[in-house]
Amino acid sequence: MKREDFIQSSTRIRVLEAKLLTKEQFDRMVEAKEIEDVMRVLNETAYANSFNKLARPEDYEEALSYEIENLYKEAKEISPDPEIVHFAALKYDAHNLKVLFKDHILGRESDDLLIDIGKIDIDDIADKAEAGDRRKIDKYYDNIASDIVEKFEHTTDPQYVEIVVDRHFYNTMMRIAKEIGSDKFIKYARDYIDFSNIKTLLRTKKQDKDPSFVESTLMDGGAIGVNELKEMYFEPIDTIIQKLKLKDIGPALQKGFSAYENSGRLSEFEKSMDNYQLDFMKDTKLVSYGPEVILAYILAKETEIKNIRIILVSKLNKLSPEFIRERLRDIYV
């Protein structure tokens, strides 16, 4: 589509951006004594409608689920190109497919883990997978199913479900980015793959996995080649940092590695990844109109919801403001 096709949608997004929470509002929630005080702050914002409906503060997940679903519903209505929203929602499709295929293979039900966002019809895929009738499943998802079945001929490790789904997910992400034709989308997808590969490298090193398994988990499509990453598997963290510091995502990687070394938790690395991706989109504020404006808002709102969840969980568990601040992501505004 032409960039001019996004003039009206970009104008509507700017109105929604003005409703994003400010640093002052987040500070008030972080410093709040009790979870009820956090709720009072939220009831002064665009979140009032969803949080006012709750019977008790502990049910906050109902409100946040509504907010994320409403975000994608609004984005679909606003965007002149559905692939913009599909690009952002791919991660939910990947998550749901992992849950569904693992359930089918392991003979269990994990419906509570499914997220009703994305392009796939969860109920439709689940029913057909349960019936074993793959003939009626969309070809794209049937290809994933075929790859998973092929893997399970050699191993019964459910971890391979994640590997197969991720491979299709990253390939689809890059394909859509190229079809949209925006350098911003392509760079975002490439960096996403790099971060995910490096996170996988850290996790498999920590688990002391066999090098052949590590090779199977790394995905093509990033700026950092798979062969380059494979060679780093036996290197100490300090050496890996030195080799990667000149990459585009080098500064963010250094922060992530440092936090990971200090805590041993991959969640700290994921925080650096989230901050980098949102910061990468911030210059979109200077763009008058275009597909990037829609993607930037979706990411900003998702980050905001993630931060609200961190605060609410922390308040329920009586955790300190200092603890909360360490875990919050940067905000867009």
C-alpha atoms as a PDB file:
ATOM      1  CA  MET A   1       0.000   0.000   0.000  1.00  0.00           C
ATOM      2  CA  LYS A   2       1.014   3.622  -0.460  1.00  0.00           C
ATOM      3  CA  ARG A   3       2.193   5.561   2.584  1.00  0.00           C
ATOM      4  CA  GLU A   4      -0.581   8.092   1.952  1.00  0.00           C
ATOM      5  CA  ASP A   5      -3.127   5.355   2.670  1.00  0.00           C
ATOM      6  CA  PHE A   6      -2.130   5.597   6.344  1.00  0.00           C
ATOM      7  CA  ILE A   7      -2.952   9.297   6.864  1.00  0.00           C
ATOM      8  CA  GLN A   8      -6.327   8.713   8.536  1.00  0.00           C
ATOM      9  CA  SER A   9      -5.178   5.717  10.588  1.00  0.00           C
ATOM     10  CA  SER A  10      -2.079   7.576  11.801  1.00  0.00           C
ATOM     11  CA  THR A  11      -4.255  10.501  12.916  1.00  0.00           C
ATOM     12  CA  ARG A  12      -6.440   8.136  14.948  1.00  0.00           C
ATOM     13  CA  ILE A  13      -3.369   6.504  16.488  1.00  0.00           C
ATOM     14  CA  ARG A  14      -2.042   9.889  17.642  1.00  0.00           C
ATOM     15  CA  VAL A  15      -5.291  10.387  19.592  1.00  0.00           C
ATOM     16  CA  LEU A  16      -4.822   6.993  21.280  1.00  0.00           C
ATOM     17  CA  GLU A  17      -1.145   7.725  22.018  1.00  0.00           C
ATOM     18  CA  ALA A  18      -2.229  10.767  24.030  1.00  0.00           C
ATOM     19  CA  LYS A  19      -3.996   8.371  26.427  1.00  0.00           C
ATOM     20  CA  LEU A  20      -0.882   6.313  27.190  1.00  0.00           C
ATOM     21  CA  LEU A  21       0.214   6.437  30.826  1.00  0.00           C
ATOM     22  CA  THR A  22       2.843   8.979  31.824  1.00  0.00           C
ATOM     23  CA  LYS A  23       5.959   8.495  33.944  1.00  0.00           C
ATOM     24  CA  GLU A  24       4.230  10.380  36.763  1.00  0.00           C
ATOM     25  CA  GLN A  25       1.305   7.947  36.733  1.00  0.00           C
ATOM     26  CA  PHE A  26       3.654   4.964  36.799  1.00  0.00           C
ATOM     27  CA  ASP A  27       5.596   6.547  39.679  1.00  0.00           C
ATOM     28  CA  ARG A  28       2.381   6.932  41.656  1.00  0.00           C
ATOM     29  CA  MET A  29       1.522   3.266  41.124  1.00  0.00           C
ATOM     30  CA  VAL A  30       5.018   2.093  42.048  1.00  0.00           C
ATOM     31  CA  GLU A  31       4.971   4.136  45.267  1.00  0.00           C
ATOM     32  CA  ALA A  32       1.411   3.114  46.160  1.00  0.00           C
ATOM     33  CA  LYS A  33       1.057   1.407  49.545  1.00  0.00           C
ATOM     34  CA  GLU A  34      -1.530  -1.193  48.536  1.00  0.00           C
ATOM     35  CA  ILE A  35      -2.937  -2.692  45.363  1.00  0.00           C
ATOM     36  CA  GLU A  36      -6.176  -0.749  45.969  1.00  0.00           C
ATOM     37  CA  ASP A  37      -4.151   2.471  45.635  1.00  0.00           C
ATOM     38  CA  VAL A  38      -2.843   1.270  42.264  1.00  0.00           C
ATOM     39  CA  MET A  39      -6.436   0.625  41.193  1.00  0.00           C
ATOM     40  CA  ARG A  40      -7.368   4.193  42.108  1.00  0.00           C
ATOM     41  CA  VAL A  41      -4.648   5.531  39.822  1.00  0.00           C
ATOM     42  CA  LEU A  42      -5.801   3.271  36.976  1.00  0.00           C
ATOM     43  CA  ASN A  43      -9.402   4.402  37.470  1.00  0.00           C
ATOM     44  CA  GLU A  44      -8.248   7.929  36.563  1.00  0.00           C
ATOM     45  CA  THR A  45      -6.969   6.716  33.189  1.00  0.00           C
ATOM     46  CA  ALA A  46      -8.165   5.036  29.983  1.00  0.00           C
ATOM     47  CA  TYR A  47      -8.108   1.766  31.963  1.00  0.00           C
ATOM     48  CA  ALA A  48     -11.038   2.832  34.166  1.00  0.00           C
ATOM     49  CA  ASN A  49     -13.717   0.935  32.227  1.00  0.00           C
ATOM     50  CA  SER A  50     -11.964  -2.430  32.438  1.00  0.00           C
ATOM     51  CA  PHE A  51     -10.797  -2.138  36.062  1.00  0.00           C
ATOM     52  CA  ASN A  52     -14.098  -0.733  37.384  1.00  0.00           C
ATOM     53  CA  LYS A  53     -15.801  -4.013  36.416  1.00  0.00           C
ATOM     54  CA  LEU A  54     -13.615  -6.148  38.687  1.00  0.00           C
ATOM     55  CA  ALA A  55     -15.183  -7.730  41.759  1.00  0.00           C
ATOM     56  CA  ARG A  56     -11.825  -7.564  43.561  1.00  0.00           C
ATOM     57  CA  PRO A  57      -8.284  -6.301  42.793  1.00  0.00           C
ATOM     58  CA  GLU A  58      -6.915  -9.858  42.625  1.00  0.00           C
ATOM     59  CA  ASP A  59      -8.912 -10.365  39.416  1.00  0.00           C
ATOM     60  CA  TYR A  60      -6.753  -7.816  37.577  1.00  0.00           C
ATOM     61  CA  GLU A  61      -5.817 -10.371  34.894  1.00  0.00           C
ATOM     62  CA  GLU A  62      -9.389 -10.197  33.569  1.00  0.00           C
ATOM     63  CA  ALA A  63      -8.979  -6.458  32.980  1.00  0.00           C
ATOM     64  CA  LEU A  64      -5.543  -6.794  31.390  1.00  0.00           C
ATOM     65  CA  SER A  65      -6.740  -9.590  29.089  1.00  0.00           C
ATOM     66  CA  TYR A  66      -9.608  -7.374  27.986  1.00  0.00           C
ATOM     67  CA  GLU A  67      -7.202  -4.489  27.361  1.00  0.00           C
ATOM     68  CA  ILE A  68      -4.823  -6.496  25.173  1.00  0.00           C
ATOM     69  CA  GLU A  69      -7.705  -8.020  23.197  1.00  0.00           C
ATOM     70  CA  ASN A  70      -9.279  -4.585  22.757  1.00  0.00           C
ATOM     71  CA  LEU A  71      -5.915  -3.194  21.601  1.00  0.00           C
ATOM     72  CA  TYR A  72      -5.800  -5.636  18.710  1.00  0.00           C
ATOM     73  CA  LYS A  73      -9.493  -5.197  17.940  1.00  0.00           C
ATOM     74  CA  GLU A  74      -8.995  -1.425  17.637  1.00  0.00           C
ATOM     75  CA  ALA A  75      -5.809  -1.829  15.623  1.00  0.00           C
ATOM     76  CA  LYS A  76      -7.586  -4.098  13.127  1.00  0.00           C
ATOM     77  CA  GLU A  77     -10.358  -1.529  12.721  1.00  0.00           C
ATOM     78  CA  ILE A  78      -7.886   1.325  12.253  1.00  0.00           C
ATOM     79  CA  SER A  79      -5.251  -0.239  10.009  1.00  0.00           C
ATOM     80  CA  PRO A  80      -5.890  -0.059   6.234  1.00  0.00           C
ATOM     81  CA  ASP A  81      -3.625  -3.101   5.834  1.00  0.00           C
ATOM     82  CA  PRO A  82      -4.435  -6.135   8.043  1.00  0.00           C
ATOM     83  CA  GLU A  83      -0.888  -7.448   7.656  1.00  0.00           C
ATOM     84  CA  ILE A  84       0.414  -4.628   9.892  1.00  0.00           C
ATOM     85  CA  VAL A  85      -1.594  -6.001  12.808  1.00  0.00           C
ATOM     86  CA  HIS A  86      -0.868  -9.609  11.784  1.00  0.00           C
ATOM     87  CA  PHE A  87       2.853  -8.813  11.986  1.00  0.00           C
ATOM     88  CA  ALA A  88       2.487  -7.637  15.598  1.00  0.00           C
ATOM     89  CA  ALA A  89       0.160 -10.506  16.563  1.00  0.00           C
ATOM     90  CA  LEU A  90       2.353 -13.301  15.177  1.00  0.00           C
ATOM     91  CA  LYS A  91       3.873 -13.959  18.607  1.00  0.00           C
ATOM     92  CA  TYR A  92       0.426 -14.852  19.957  1.00  0.00           C
ATOM     93  CA  ASP A  93      -0.193 -17.242  17.060  1.00  0.00           C
ATOM     94  CA  ALA A  94       3.159 -18.893  17.809  1.00  0.00           C
ATOM     95  CA  HIS A  95       2.320 -19.194  21.519  1.00  0.00           C
ATOM     96  CA  ASN A  96      -1.119 -20.692  20.816  1.00  0.00           C
ATOM     97  CA  LEU A  97       0.240 -23.186  18.302  1.00  0.00           C
ATOM     98  CA  LYS A  98       2.856 -24.372  20.794  1.00  0.00           C
ATOM     99  CA  VAL A  99       0.168 -24.930  23.421  1.00  0.00           C
ATOM    100  CA  LEU A 100      -2.200 -26.700  21.003  1.00  0.00           C
ATOM    101  CA  PHE A 101       0.396 -29.006  19.464  1.00  0.00           C
ATOM    102  CA  LYS A 102       1.910 -29.904  22.845  1.00  0.00           C
ATOM    103  CA  ASP A 103      -1.559 -30.647  24.199  1.00  0.00           C
ATOM    104  CA  HIS A 104      -2.308 -32.876  21.201  1.00  0.00           C
ATOM    105  CA  ILE A 105       0.991 -34.754  21.466  1.00  0.00           C
ATOM    106  CA  LEU A 106       0.996 -35.119  25.253  1.00  0.00           C
ATOM    107  CA  GLY A 107      -2.732 -35.820  25.582  1.00  0.00           C
ATOM    108  CA  ARG A 108      -3.521 -32.920  27.874  1.00  0.00           C
ATOM    109  CA  GLU A 109      -5.659 -29.756  27.918  1.00  0.00           C
ATOM    110  CA  SER A 110      -4.221 -26.314  28.624  1.00  0.00           C
ATOM    111  CA  ASP A 111      -7.015 -24.050  27.396  1.00  0.00           C
ATOM    112  CA  ASP A 112      -6.252 -21.564  30.160  1.00  0.00           C
ATOM    113  CA  LEU A 113      -2.882 -20.868  28.501  1.00  0.00           C
ATOM    114  CA  LEU A 114      -4.385 -19.855  25.155  1.00  0.00           C
ATOM    115  CA  ILE A 115      -4.525 -16.161  24.221  1.00  0.00           C
ATOM    116  CA  ASP A 116      -7.419 -15.135  21.993  1.00  0.00           C
ATOM    117  CA  ILE A 117      -5.352 -12.802  19.818  1.00  0.00           C
ATOM    118  CA  GLY A 118      -3.856 -13.438  16.428  1.00  0.00           C
ATOM    119  CA  LYS A 119      -4.952 -14.624  13.028  1.00  0.00           C
ATOM    120  CA  ILE A 120      -5.614 -18.284  13.711  1.00  0.00           C
ATOM    121  CA  ASP A 121      -8.973 -19.593  14.869  1.00  0.00           C
ATOM    122  CA  ILE A 122      -7.955 -21.322  18.109  1.00  0.00           C
ATOM    123  CA  ASP A 123     -11.131 -23.385  18.445  1.00  0.00           C
ATOM    124  CA  ASP A 124     -11.041 -24.483  14.813  1.00  0.00           C
ATOM    125  CA  ILE A 125      -7.416 -25.626  14.957  1.00  0.00           C
ATOM    126  CA  ALA A 126      -7.945 -27.330  18.313  1.00  0.00           C
ATOM    127  CA  ASP A 127     -11.033 -29.232  17.145  1.00  0.00           C
ATOM    128  CA  LYS A 128      -9.354 -30.460  13.973  1.00  0.00           C
ATOM    129  CA  ALA A 129      -6.156 -31.398  15.765  1.00  0.00           C
ATOM    130  CA  GLU A 130      -8.181 -33.283  18.374  1.00  0.00           C
ATOM    131  CA  ALA A 131     -10.058 -35.143  15.629  1.00  0.00           C
ATOM    132  CA  GLY A 132      -6.801 -35.897  13.838  1.00  0.00           C
ATOM    133  CA  ASP A 133      -8.280 -34.480  10.622  1.00  0.00           C
ATOM    134  CA  ARG A 134      -5.407 -32.453   9.237  1.00  0.00           C
ATOM    135  CA  ARG A 135      -6.941 -32.371   5.742  1.00  0.00           C
ATOM    136  CA  LYS A 136      -9.178 -29.474   6.763  1.00  0.00           C
ATOM    137  CA  ILE A 137      -6.458 -27.491   8.519  1.00  0.00           C
ATOM    138  CA  ASP A 138      -5.084 -24.413   6.755  1.00  0.00           C
ATOM    139  CA  LYS A 139      -2.035 -25.362   4.664  1.00  0.00           C
ATOM    140  CA  TYR A 140       0.284 -23.071   6.645  1.00  0.00           C
ATOM    141  CA  TYR A 141      -0.589 -24.775   9.943  1.00  0.00           C
ATOM    142  CA  ASP A 142      -0.590 -28.208   8.325  1.00  0.00           C
ATOM    143  CA  ASN A 143       3.002 -27.583   7.211  1.00  0.00           C
ATOM    144  CA  ILE A 144       3.916 -26.850  10.808  1.00  0.00           C
ATOM    145  CA  ALA A 145       2.120 -30.010  11.926  1.00  0.00           C
ATOM    146  CA  SER A 146       3.997 -32.059   9.293  1.00  0.00           C
ATOM    147  CA  ASP A 147       7.337 -30.695  10.493  1.00  0.00           C
ATOM    148  CA  ILE A 148       6.462 -31.517  14.103  1.00  0.00           C
ATOM    149  CA  VAL A 149       5.405 -35.068  13.200  1.00  0.00           C
ATOM    150  CA  GLU A 150       8.677 -35.521  11.295  1.00  0.00           C
ATOM    151  CA  LYS A 151      10.654 -34.375  14.325  1.00  0.00           C
ATOM    152  CA  PHE A 152       8.765 -36.752  16.597  1.00  0.00           C
ATOM    153  CA  GLU A 153       9.764 -39.702  14.460  1.00  0.00           C
ATOM    154  CA  HIS A 154      13.265 -39.167  15.854  1.00  0.00           C
ATOM    155  CA  THR A 155      12.551 -37.728  19.301  1.00  0.00           C
ATOM    156  CA  THR A 156       9.653 -37.418  21.741  1.00  0.00           C
ATOM    157  CA  ASP A 157      11.026 -34.245  23.331  1.00  0.00           C
ATOM    158  CA  PRO A 158       8.161 -31.689  23.331  1.00  0.00           C
ATOM    159  CA  GLN A 159      10.785 -28.936  23.216  1.00  0.00           C
ATOM    160  CA  TYR A 160      11.013 -29.607  19.490  1.00  0.00           C
ATOM    161  CA  VAL A 161       7.452 -28.310  19.134  1.00  0.00           C
ATOM    162  CA  GLU A 162       8.749 -24.900  20.181  1.00  0.00           C
ATOM    163  CA  ILE A 163      11.683 -25.112  17.784  1.00  0.00           C
ATOM    164  CA  VAL A 164       9.496 -25.994  14.786  1.00  0.00           C
ATOM    165  CA  VAL A 165       6.868 -23.349  15.560  1.00  0.00           C
ATOM    166  CA  ASP A 166       9.536 -20.700  16.149  1.00  0.00           C
ATOM    167  CA  ARG A 167      11.183 -21.469  12.823  1.00  0.00           C
ATOM    168  CA  HIS A 168       7.899 -20.921  10.983  1.00  0.00           C
ATOM    169  CA  PHE A 169       7.153 -17.868  13.133  1.00  0.00           C
ATOM    170  CA  TYR A 170      10.422 -16.092  12.308  1.00  0.00           C
ATOM    171  CA  ASN A 171      10.202 -16.962   8.614  1.00  0.00           C
ATOM    172  CA  THR A 172       6.654 -15.605   8.475  1.00  0.00           C
ATOM    173  CA  MET A 173       7.646 -12.498  10.397  1.00  0.00           C
ATOM    174  CA  MET A 174      10.392 -11.668   7.918  1.00  0.00           C
ATOM    175  CA  ARG A 175       8.187 -12.486   4.927  1.00  0.00           C
ATOM    176  CA  ILE A 176       5.425 -10.129   6.100  1.00  0.00           C
ATOM    177  CA  ALA A 177       7.958  -7.389   6.870  1.00  0.00           C
ATOM    178  CA  LYS A 178       9.278  -7.591   3.315  1.00  0.00           C
ATOM    179  CA  GLU A 179       5.760  -7.637   1.861  1.00  0.00           C
ATOM    180  CA  ILE A 180       4.874  -4.508   3.834  1.00  0.00           C
ATOM    181  CA  GLY A 181       7.995  -2.983   2.284  1.00  0.00           C
ATOM    182  CA  SER A 182       9.065  -0.912   5.276  1.00  0.00           C
ATOM    183  CA  ASP A 183      12.737  -0.843   6.272  1.00  0.00           C
ATOM    184  CA  LYS A 184      11.563  -0.309   9.859  1.00  0.00           C
ATOM    185  CA  PHE A 185       9.593  -3.565   9.861  1.00  0.00           C
ATOM    186  CA  ILE A 186      12.453  -5.511   8.256  1.00  0.00           C
ATOM    187  CA  LYS A 187      14.988  -4.170  10.771  1.00  0.00           C
ATOM    188  CA  TYR A 188      12.601  -4.895  13.640  1.00  0.00           C
ATOM    189  CA  ALA A 189      12.150  -8.503  12.456  1.00  0.00           C
ATOM    190  CA  ARG A 190      15.886  -8.998  11.946  1.00  0.00           C
ATOM    191  CA  ASP A 191      16.725  -7.644  15.407  1.00  0.00           C
ATOM    192  CA  TYR A 192      13.939  -9.760  16.943  1.00  0.00           C
ATOM    193  CA  ILE A 193      15.516 -12.890  15.462  1.00  0.00           C
ATOM    194  CA  ASP A 194      18.993 -11.874  16.684  1.00  0.00           C
ATOM    195  CA  PHE A 195      17.794 -11.256  20.235  1.00  0.00           C
ATOM    196  CA  SER A 196      15.865 -14.536  20.270  1.00  0.00           C
ATOM    197  CA  ASN A 197      18.873 -16.477  18.971  1.00  0.00           C
ATOM    198  CA  ILE A 198      21.166 -14.997  21.601  1.00  0.00           C
ATOM    199  CA  LYS A 199      18.626 -15.674  24.358  1.00  0.00           C
ATOM    200  CA  THR A 200      18.456 -19.270  23.115  1.00  0.00           C
ATOM    201  CA  LEU A 201      22.254 -19.448  23.147  1.00  0.00           C
ATOM    202  CA  LEU A 202      22.341 -18.304  26.786  1.00  0.00           C
ATOM    203  CA  ARG A 203      19.608 -20.742  27.829  1.00  0.00           C
ATOM    204  CA  THR A 204      21.213 -23.756  26.122  1.00  0.00           C
ATOM    205  CA  LYS A 205      24.643 -22.853  27.548  1.00  0.00           C
ATOM    206  CA  LYS A 206      23.106 -22.713  31.020  1.00  0.00           C
ATOM    207  CA  GLN A 207      21.447 -26.105  30.448  1.00  0.00           C
ATOM    208  CA  ASP A 208      24.700 -27.515  29.018  1.00  0.00           C
ATOM    209  CA  LYS A 209      22.879 -28.812  25.958  1.00  0.00           C
ATOM    210  CA  ASP A 210      24.575 -30.852  23.237  1.00  0.00           C
ATOM    211  CA  PRO A 211      25.974 -28.643  20.415  1.00  0.00           C
ATOM    212  CA  SER A 212      23.806 -30.455  17.840  1.00  0.00           C
ATOM    213  CA  PHE A 213      20.702 -29.446  19.794  1.00  0.00           C
ATOM    214  CA  VAL A 214      21.922 -25.852  19.985  1.00  0.00           C
ATOM    215  CA  GLU A 215      22.354 -25.786  16.211  1.00  0.00           C
ATOM    216  CA  SER A 216      18.755 -26.957  15.722  1.00  0.00           C
ATOM    217  CA  THR A 217      17.405 -24.110  17.879  1.00  0.00           C
ATOM    218  CA  LEU A 218      19.110 -21.209  16.082  1.00  0.00           C
ATOM    219  CA  MET A 219      17.078 -19.433  13.397  1.00  0.00           C
ATOM    220  CA  ASP A 220      18.142 -17.877  10.105  1.00  0.00           C
ATOM    221  CA  GLY A 221      17.122 -14.358   9.137  1.00  0.00           C
ATOM    222  CA  GLY A 222      18.991 -12.245  11.669  1.00  0.00           C
ATOM    223  CA  ALA A 223      21.922  -9.919  11.060  1.00  0.00           C
ATOM    224  CA  ILE A 224      24.118 -12.222  13.162  1.00  0.00           C
ATOM    225  CA  GLY A 225      24.750 -15.444  11.242  1.00  0.00           C
ATOM    226  CA  VAL A 226      23.868 -18.828  12.709  1.00  0.00           C
ATOM    227  CA  ASN A 227      27.422 -20.112  12.099  1.00  0.00           C
ATOM    228  CA  GLU A 228      28.818 -17.134  13.992  1.00  0.00           C
ATOM    229  CA  LEU A 229      26.531 -17.874  16.930  1.00  0.00           C
ATOM    230  CA  LYS A 230      27.359 -21.601  16.884  1.00  0.00           C
ATOM    231  CA  GLU A 231      31.048 -20.772  17.268  1.00  0.00           C
ATOM    232  CA  MET A 232      30.234 -18.706  20.369  1.00  0.00           C
ATOM    233  CA  TYR A 233      28.584 -21.586  22.204  1.00  0.00           C
ATOM    234  CA  PHE A 234      31.828 -22.675  23.885  1.00  0.00           C
ATOM    235  CA  GLU A 235      32.979 -19.098  24.568  1.00  0.00           C
ATOM    236  CA  PRO A 236      32.685 -17.422  27.986  1.00  0.00           C
ATOM    237  CA  ILE A 237      30.113 -14.639  28.307  1.00  0.00           C
ATOM    238  CA  ASP A 238      32.806 -11.910  28.333  1.00  0.00           C
ATOM    239  CA  THR A 239      34.147 -13.111  24.985  1.00  0.00           C
ATOM    240  CA  ILE A 240      30.655 -13.252  23.475  1.00  0.00           C
ATOM    241  CA  ILE A 241      30.024  -9.671  24.613  1.00  0.00           C
ATOM    242  CA  GLN A 242      33.244  -8.488  22.970  1.00  0.00           C
ATOM    243  CA  LYS A 243      32.340 -10.207  19.701  1.00  0.00           C
ATOM    244  CA  LEU A 244      28.843  -8.736  19.609  1.00  0.00           C
ATOM    245  CA  LYS A 245      29.383  -5.227  20.973  1.00  0.00           C
ATOM    246  CA  LEU A 246      29.823  -3.655  17.527  1.00  0.00           C
ATOM    247  CA  LYS A 247      26.555  -5.079  16.210  1.00  0.00           C
ATOM    248  CA  ASP A 248      23.527  -2.778  15.867  1.00  0.00           C
ATOM    249  CA  ILE A 249      22.017  -4.310  18.973  1.00  0.00           C
ATOM    250  CA  GLY A 250      25.400  -4.378  20.749  1.00  0.00           C
ATOM    251  CA  PRO A 251      24.678  -1.754  23.460  1.00  0.00           C
ATOM    252  CA  ALA A 252      21.389  -3.430  24.382  1.00  0.00           C
ATOM    253  CA  LEU A 253      23.100  -6.817  24.412  1.00  0.00           C
ATOM    254  CA  GLN A 254      25.747  -5.523  26.815  1.00  0.00           C
ATOM    255  CA  LYS A 255      23.042  -4.354  29.219  1.00  0.00           C
ATOM    256  CA  GLY A 256      21.246  -7.664  28.873  1.00  0.00           C
ATOM    257  CA  PHE A 257      24.373  -9.748  29.393  1.00  0.00           C
ATOM    258  CA  SER A 258      25.369  -7.672  32.418  1.00  0.00           C
ATOM    259  CA  ALA A 259      21.943  -8.086  34.023  1.00  0.00           C
ATOM    260  CA  TYR A 260      21.937 -11.792  33.214  1.00  0.00           C
ATOM    261  CA  GLU A 261      25.399 -12.326  34.752  1.00  0.00           C
ATOM    262  CA  ASN A 262      24.375 -10.528  37.941  1.00  0.00           C
ATOM    263  CA  SER A 263      21.054 -12.323  38.400  1.00  0.00           C
ATOM    264  CA  GLY A 264      21.327 -15.536  36.370  1.00  0.00           C
ATOM    265  CA  ARG A 265      17.770 -14.864  35.166  1.00  0.00           C
ATOM    266  CA  LEU A 266      16.921 -14.688  31.478  1.00  0.00           C
ATOM    267  CA  SER A 267      14.047 -12.361  32.387  1.00  0.00           C
ATOM    268  CA  GLU A 268      16.657  -9.631  32.880  1.00  0.00           C
ATOM    269  CA  PHE A 269      17.954 -10.225  29.359  1.00  0.00           C
ATOM    270  CA  GLU A 270      14.375 -10.115  28.048  1.00  0.00           C
ATOM    271  CA  LYS A 271      13.891  -6.719  29.682  1.00  0.00           C
ATOM    272  CA  SER A 272      16.847  -5.315  27.705  1.00  0.00           C
ATOM    273  CA  MET A 273      15.372  -6.857  24.571  1.00  0.00           C
ATOM    274  CA  ASP A 274      11.970  -5.228  25.227  1.00  0.00           C
ATOM    275  CA  ASN A 275      13.545  -1.842  25.953  1.00  0.00           C
ATOM    276  CA  TYR A 276      15.630  -1.947  22.778  1.00  0.00           C
ATOM    277  CA  GLN A 277      12.647  -2.794  20.583  1.00  0.00           C
ATOM    278  CA  LEU A 278      10.470  -0.034  22.021  1.00  0.00           C
ATOM    279  CA  ASP A 279      13.303   2.497  21.845  1.00  0.00           C
ATOM    280  CA  PHE A 280      13.873   1.491  18.212  1.00  0.00           C
ATOM    281  CA  MET A 281      10.281   2.511  17.444  1.00  0.00           C
ATOM    282  CA  LYS A 282      10.330   5.844  19.321  1.00  0.00           C
ATOM    283  CA  ASP A 283      11.513   7.890  16.349  1.00  0.00           C
ATOM    284  CA  THR A 284       8.188   6.949  14.756  1.00  0.00           C
ATOM    285  CA  LYS A 285       6.785   9.876  16.773  1.00  0.00           C
ATOM    286  CA  LEU A 286       8.423  12.094  14.141  1.00  0.00           C
ATOM    287  CA  VAL A 287       6.740  10.246  11.263  1.00  0.00           C
ATOM    288  CA  SER A 288       3.597  12.019  10.032  1.00  0.00           C
ATOM    289  CA  TYR A 289       1.929   8.868   8.730  1.00  0.00           C
ATOM    290  CA  GLY A 290       2.766   5.321   7.715  1.00  0.00           C
ATOM    291  CA  PRO A 291       2.519   1.662   8.787  1.00  0.00           C
ATOM    292  CA  GLU A 292       5.218   2.205  11.430  1.00  0.00           C
ATOM    293  CA  VAL A 293       2.874   4.466  13.420  1.00  0.00           C
ATOM    294  CA  ILE A 294       0.436   1.598  13.966  1.00  0.00           C
ATOM    295  CA  LEU A 295       3.136  -0.920  14.932  1.00  0.00           C
ATOM    296  CA  ALA A 296       4.768   1.542  17.340  1.00  0.00           C
ATOM    297  CA  TYR A 297       1.476   2.146  19.142  1.00  0.00           C
ATOM    298  CA  ILE A 298       0.737  -1.577  19.481  1.00  0.00           C
ATOM    299  CA  LEU A 299       4.189  -2.176  21.000  1.00  0.00           C
ATOM    300  CA  ALA A 300       3.840   0.849  23.291  1.00  0.00           C
ATOM    301  CA  LYS A 301       0.457  -0.316  24.598  1.00  0.00           C
ATOM    302  CA  GLU A 302       1.662  -3.915  25.064  1.00  0.00           C
ATOM    303  CA  THR A 303       4.633  -2.634  27.077  1.00  0.00           C
ATOM    304  CA  GLU A 304       2.332  -0.462  29.177  1.00  0.00           C
ATOM    305  CA  ILE A 305       0.089  -3.445  29.968  1.00  0.00           C
ATOM    306  CA  LYS A 306       3.148  -5.551  30.815  1.00  0.00           C
ATOM    307  CA  ASN A 307       4.307  -2.854  33.263  1.00  0.00           C
ATOM    308  CA  ILE A 308       0.883  -2.622  34.898  1.00  0.00           C
ATOM    309  CA  ARG A 309       0.918  -6.398  35.394  1.00  0.00           C
ATOM    310  CA  ILE A 310       4.390  -6.243  37.003  1.00  0.00           C
ATOM    311  CA  ILE A 311       3.192  -3.550  39.422  1.00  0.00           C
ATOM    312  CA  LEU A 312      -0.024  -5.354  40.374  1.00  0.00           C
ATOM    313  CA  VAL A 313       1.697  -8.711  40.928  1.00  0.00           C
ATOM    314  CA  SER A 314       4.372  -6.982  42.994  1.00  0.00           C
ATOM    315  CA  LYS A 315       1.843  -5.135  45.157  1.00  0.00           C
ATOM    316  CA  LEU A 316      -0.039  -8.366  45.844  1.00  0.00           C
ATOM    317  CA  ASN A 317       3.222  -9.895  47.007  1.00  0.00           C
ATOM    318  CA  LYS A 318       4.185  -6.859  49.129  1.00  0.00           C
ATOM    319  CA  LEU A 319       7.356  -6.170  47.134  1.00  0.00           C
ATOM    320  CA  SER A 320       9.256  -2.907  47.470  1.00  0.00           C
ATOM    321  CA  PRO A 321       9.134   0.014  45.009  1.00  0.00           C
ATOM    322  CA  GLU A 322      12.848  -0.531  44.340  1.00  0.00           C
ATOM    323  CA  PHE A 323      12.185  -4.153  43.344  1.00  0.00           C
ATOM    324  CA  ILE A 324       9.366  -3.060  41.022  1.00  0.00           C
ATOM    325  CA  ARG A 325      11.406  -0.330  39.313  1.00  0.00           C
ATOM    326  CA  GLU A 326      14.166  -2.794  38.502  1.00  0.00           C
ATOM    327  CA  ARG A 327      11.702  -4.903  36.523  1.00  0.00           C
ATOM    328  CA  LEU A 328       9.682  -2.250  34.723  1.00  0.00           C
ATOM    329  CA  ARG A 329      10.231  -1.692  31.010  1.00  0.00           C
ATOM    330  CA  ASP A 330      10.806   1.742  29.511  1.00  0.00           C
ATOM    331  CA  ILE A 331       7.688   3.573  28.377  1.00  0.00           C
ATOM    332  CA  TYR A 332       6.940   5.122  24.985  1.00  0.00           C
ATOM    333  CA  VAL A 333       5.787   8.592  26.048  1.00  0.00           C
END
